[in-house]
Amino acid sequence: MLDSNLSTAQLILISIIPVLFAIVLHEVAHGWAAYKLGDRTAMMLGRLSLNPIKHIDPIGTILVPAILILTVNFAFGWAKPVPIDWRNFKNPKRDTALVAIAGPAANLVMAIGWGLIAAITTILPDNFAQPMLNMAFIGVFFNVLLMVFNLIPVPPTDGGRIAVSLLPAPAGNLLSKVEPFGLILLLLLIFTGVLWQFIIPVIQMISGLIFSLFGV
């Protein structure tokens, strides 16, 4: 699996591609789903682009990952949310849930893709195989992490938006009131380590299933 002898600089270098793809495609998937369901906001603002510069969030894409890598040798982050106008949907409750699930679904597809890359490394030359295996391991783990994190039913995560859409109106409206404080709560849980105690076992289980699927 991941080479335990990697320096912090090496870890950052091999993380750049899988992390950027994970967070950018997550947001593009939201925008693409919204476009297909009748909202052209993300497309008109150029947010259906794979150019990472259009999606960089100073806190989620730069500050949080840098602090985590330097303190716990572990990367996590997110991109600038794609703008969506829910009023353009024909069925707002259903379509909001579909748009929200598109991001985690994209991460699951990418995680499986990185699992396939990990399997392919067995036929590569040794001096190329290990760096690619390291990158594939990070690609699987980070995408699964992003998927699981975003399915936590606390707004403003995707899971929170799904829950608000699916719950009866009174309960959904009550949950939506958490959104202004949701990010602060989640950041506190991230940096205190409380969140990881609950989601790391889930992430390890799903990542293990993906690797076992490809015999890695």
Protein backbone atom coordinates (compact mmCIF):
# COMPACT_ATOMS: atom_id res chain seq x y z
CA MET A 1 0.00 0.00 0.00
CA LEU A 2 1.19 3.54 0.73
CA ASP A 3 4.95 3.76 1.28
CA SER A 4 5.44 4.65 4.96
CA ASN A 5 8.89 6.13 4.22
CA LEU A 6 7.54 9.06 2.20
CA SER A 7 8.63 12.50 3.38
CA THR A 8 6.07 15.27 3.85
CA ALA A 9 7.24 16.90 0.60
CA GLN A 10 6.88 13.61 -1.31
CA LEU A 11 3.43 13.04 0.19
CA ILE A 12 2.31 16.49 -0.93
CA LEU A 13 3.67 15.98 -4.46
CA ILE A 14 1.97 12.64 -5.05
CA SER A 15 -1.27 13.93 -3.48
CA ILE A 16 -1.69 16.91 -5.83
CA ILE A 17 -3.18 15.05 -8.81
CA PRO A 18 -5.62 12.73 -6.98
CA VAL A 19 -6.73 15.43 -4.52
CA LEU A 20 -7.33 18.06 -7.22
CA PHE A 21 -9.23 15.60 -9.41
CA ALA A 22 -11.32 14.49 -6.44
CA ILE A 23 -12.44 17.95 -5.35
CA VAL A 24 -12.78 19.47 -8.84
CA LEU A 25 -14.78 16.60 -10.35
CA HIS A 26 -16.94 16.49 -7.23
CA GLU A 27 -18.05 20.07 -7.86
CA VAL A 28 -18.28 19.67 -11.64
CA ALA A 29 -20.59 16.68 -11.06
CA HIS A 30 -22.91 18.90 -9.03
CA GLY A 31 -22.94 21.51 -11.77
CA TRP A 32 -23.43 18.96 -14.55
CA ALA A 33 -26.35 17.33 -12.72
CA ALA A 34 -27.93 20.75 -12.14
CA TYR A 35 -27.50 21.59 -15.82
CA LYS A 36 -29.19 18.35 -16.86
CA LEU A 37 -32.07 19.13 -14.50
CA GLY A 38 -32.65 22.60 -15.89
CA ASP A 39 -30.28 24.96 -14.05
CA ARG A 40 -27.64 26.59 -16.28
CA THR A 41 -26.09 28.76 -13.53
CA ALA A 42 -22.85 26.78 -13.16
CA MET A 43 -22.39 26.53 -16.93
CA MET A 44 -22.93 30.26 -17.50
CA LEU A 45 -20.38 31.08 -14.78
CA GLY A 46 -17.80 28.72 -16.29
CA ARG A 47 -17.89 26.30 -13.37
CA LEU A 48 -18.30 23.15 -15.48
CA SER A 49 -14.61 23.49 -16.32
CA LEU A 50 -11.93 21.02 -15.19
CA ASN A 51 -9.57 23.97 -14.67
CA PRO A 52 -8.78 23.72 -10.92
CA ILE A 53 -8.22 27.48 -10.66
CA LYS A 54 -11.95 28.05 -11.18
CA HIS A 55 -12.76 25.81 -8.20
CA ILE A 56 -10.06 26.68 -5.65
CA ASP A 57 -11.36 27.73 -2.24
CA PRO A 58 -8.67 29.49 -0.15
CA ILE A 59 -9.75 27.70 3.03
CA GLY A 60 -10.88 24.29 1.80
CA THR A 61 -8.42 23.75 -1.05
CA ILE A 62 -5.28 25.37 0.41
CA LEU A 63 -5.37 26.21 4.13
CA VAL A 64 -7.09 23.14 5.63
CA PRO A 65 -5.14 20.53 3.58
CA ALA A 66 -1.83 22.29 4.31
CA ILE A 67 -2.49 22.42 8.07
CA LEU A 68 -3.56 18.77 8.17
CA ILE A 69 -0.56 17.54 6.16
CA LEU A 70 1.87 19.51 8.36
CA THR A 71 0.24 18.45 11.63
CA VAL A 72 -1.08 14.92 11.13
CA ASN A 73 0.49 13.94 7.77
CA PHE A 74 -3.01 13.61 6.35
CA ALA A 75 -4.78 15.46 3.51
CA PHE A 76 -8.37 16.61 3.41
CA GLY A 77 -10.11 19.52 1.71
CA TRP A 78 -12.84 20.76 -0.59
CA ALA A 79 -13.42 23.11 -3.52
CA LYS A 80 -15.52 26.24 -3.87
CA PRO A 81 -19.16 25.13 -4.09
CA VAL A 82 -20.71 25.28 -7.55
CA PRO A 83 -23.48 27.94 -7.67
CA ILE A 84 -26.92 26.41 -8.16
CA ASP A 85 -30.28 28.14 -8.44
CA TRP A 86 -32.80 25.66 -7.06
CA ARG A 87 -35.68 27.73 -8.50
CA ASN A 88 -34.82 26.44 -11.97
CA PHE A 89 -35.69 22.85 -11.10
CA LYS A 90 -39.04 21.40 -12.14
CA ASN A 91 -39.18 19.27 -8.98
CA PRO A 92 -37.05 21.19 -6.43
CA LYS A 93 -37.04 18.62 -3.60
CA ARG A 94 -36.22 15.66 -5.84
CA ASP A 95 -33.77 17.54 -8.07
CA THR A 96 -31.94 19.07 -5.11
CA ALA A 97 -31.32 15.59 -3.75
CA LEU A 98 -30.13 14.34 -7.16
CA VAL A 99 -27.73 17.26 -7.57
CA ALA A 100 -26.40 16.71 -4.04
CA ILE A 101 -25.77 12.98 -4.55
CA ALA A 102 -23.92 13.63 -7.84
CA GLY A 103 -20.78 14.82 -6.02
CA PRO A 104 -20.31 11.77 -3.75
CA ALA A 105 -21.23 9.51 -6.68
CA ALA A 106 -18.43 11.07 -8.74
CA ASN A 107 -16.00 10.40 -5.88
CA LEU A 108 -17.06 6.75 -5.74
CA VAL A 109 -16.46 6.37 -9.49
CA MET A 110 -13.03 8.01 -9.14
CA ALA A 111 -12.14 5.80 -6.18
CA ILE A 112 -12.94 2.71 -8.25
CA GLY A 113 -10.87 4.16 -11.11
CA TRP A 114 -7.86 4.62 -8.81
CA GLY A 115 -8.37 1.05 -7.59
CA LEU A 116 -8.04 -0.10 -11.20
CA ILE A 117 -4.86 1.94 -11.57
CA ALA A 118 -3.50 0.28 -8.41
CA ALA A 119 -4.12 -3.12 -10.01
CA ILE A 120 -2.38 -2.07 -13.22
CA THR A 121 0.79 -1.14 -11.30
CA THR A 122 1.55 -4.86 -10.90
CA ILE A 123 2.60 -4.99 -14.58
CA LEU A 124 4.65 -1.78 -14.50
CA PRO A 125 8.45 -1.53 -14.00
CA ASP A 126 9.38 -1.43 -10.30
CA ASN A 127 10.79 2.12 -10.39
CA PHE A 128 7.45 3.39 -11.77
CA ALA A 129 5.06 1.01 -10.03
CA GLN A 130 5.56 2.18 -6.44
CA PRO A 131 5.02 5.91 -7.11
CA MET A 132 1.87 5.08 -9.09
CA LEU A 133 0.69 2.72 -6.34
CA ASN A 134 1.23 5.49 -3.77
CA MET A 135 -0.81 7.88 -5.91
CA ALA A 136 -3.54 5.28 -6.46
CA PHE A 137 -3.75 4.57 -2.73
CA ILE A 138 -4.20 8.27 -2.01
CA GLY A 139 -6.73 8.52 -4.86
CA VAL A 140 -8.86 5.71 -3.44
CA PHE A 141 -8.61 6.83 0.16
CA PHE A 142 -9.18 10.55 -0.48
CA ASN A 143 -12.14 10.00 -2.80
CA VAL A 144 -13.78 7.64 -0.32
CA LEU A 145 -13.05 10.14 2.46
CA LEU A 146 -14.65 12.96 0.47
CA MET A 147 -17.65 10.79 -0.34
CA VAL A 148 -18.23 9.67 3.25
CA PHE A 149 -17.64 13.15 4.68
CA ASN A 150 -20.09 14.72 2.25
CA LEU A 151 -22.77 12.18 3.11
CA ILE A 152 -22.78 13.28 6.77
CA PRO A 153 -26.36 14.63 7.18
CA VAL A 154 -25.34 18.05 8.49
CA PRO A 155 -25.86 21.05 6.17
CA PRO A 156 -24.00 22.40 4.23
CA THR A 157 -22.70 18.93 3.24
CA ASP A 158 -24.34 17.04 0.39
CA GLY A 159 -25.77 14.62 2.92
CA GLY A 160 -27.34 17.54 4.74
CA ARG A 161 -28.96 18.80 1.54
CA ILE A 162 -30.21 15.30 0.74
CA ALA A 163 -31.69 14.98 4.22
CA VAL A 164 -33.37 18.40 3.99
CA SER A 165 -34.87 17.40 0.62
CA LEU A 166 -36.13 14.00 1.73
CA LEU A 167 -37.41 14.82 5.20
CA PRO A 168 -40.98 16.06 5.74
CA ALA A 169 -41.14 19.85 5.40
CA PRO A 170 -41.16 20.70 9.14
CA ALA A 171 -38.15 18.48 9.90
CA GLY A 172 -36.34 19.54 6.73
CA ASN A 173 -36.82 23.24 7.51
CA LEU A 174 -35.54 22.69 11.04
CA LEU A 175 -32.43 20.87 9.79
CA SER A 176 -31.76 23.58 7.19
CA LYS A 177 -31.39 26.11 10.01
CA VAL A 178 -28.17 24.31 11.02
CA GLU A 179 -26.44 25.37 7.78
CA PRO A 180 -24.98 28.73 8.94
CA PHE A 181 -23.19 26.90 11.78
CA GLY A 182 -22.65 23.53 10.09
CA LEU A 183 -19.25 24.28 8.58
CA ILE A 184 -17.90 25.65 11.88
CA LEU A 185 -19.16 22.54 13.68
CA LEU A 186 -17.59 20.22 11.12
CA LEU A 187 -14.25 22.07 11.23
CA LEU A 188 -14.20 21.75 15.02
CA LEU A 189 -14.88 18.02 14.73
CA ILE A 190 -12.12 17.69 12.10
CA PHE A 191 -9.38 19.48 14.05
CA THR A 192 -10.27 17.90 17.40
CA GLY A 193 -10.13 14.45 15.81
CA VAL A 194 -13.63 13.52 16.97
CA LEU A 195 -14.99 13.18 13.44
CA TRP A 196 -12.29 10.73 12.37
CA GLN A 197 -13.18 8.30 15.16
CA PHE A 198 -16.55 7.78 13.53
CA ILE A 199 -15.82 7.93 9.81
CA ILE A 200 -12.31 6.41 9.48
CA PRO A 201 -13.60 2.82 10.06
CA VAL A 202 -16.21 3.37 7.33
CA ILE A 203 -13.58 4.81 4.97
CA GLN A 204 -11.21 1.92 5.63
CA MET A 205 -13.96 -0.62 5.01
CA ILE A 206 -15.01 0.92 1.67
CA SER A 207 -11.40 1.46 0.55
CA GLY A 208 -10.60 -2.15 1.47
CA LEU A 209 -13.54 -3.38 -0.58
CA ILE A 210 -12.35 -1.40 -3.62
CA PHE A 211 -8.80 -2.73 -3.34
CA SER A 212 -10.03 -6.30 -2.84
CA LEU A 213 -12.26 -5.89 -5.92
CA PHE A 214 -9.10 -5.49 -7.98
CA GLY A 215 -7.00 -7.95 -5.98
CA VAL A 216 -4.65 -5.29 -4.63
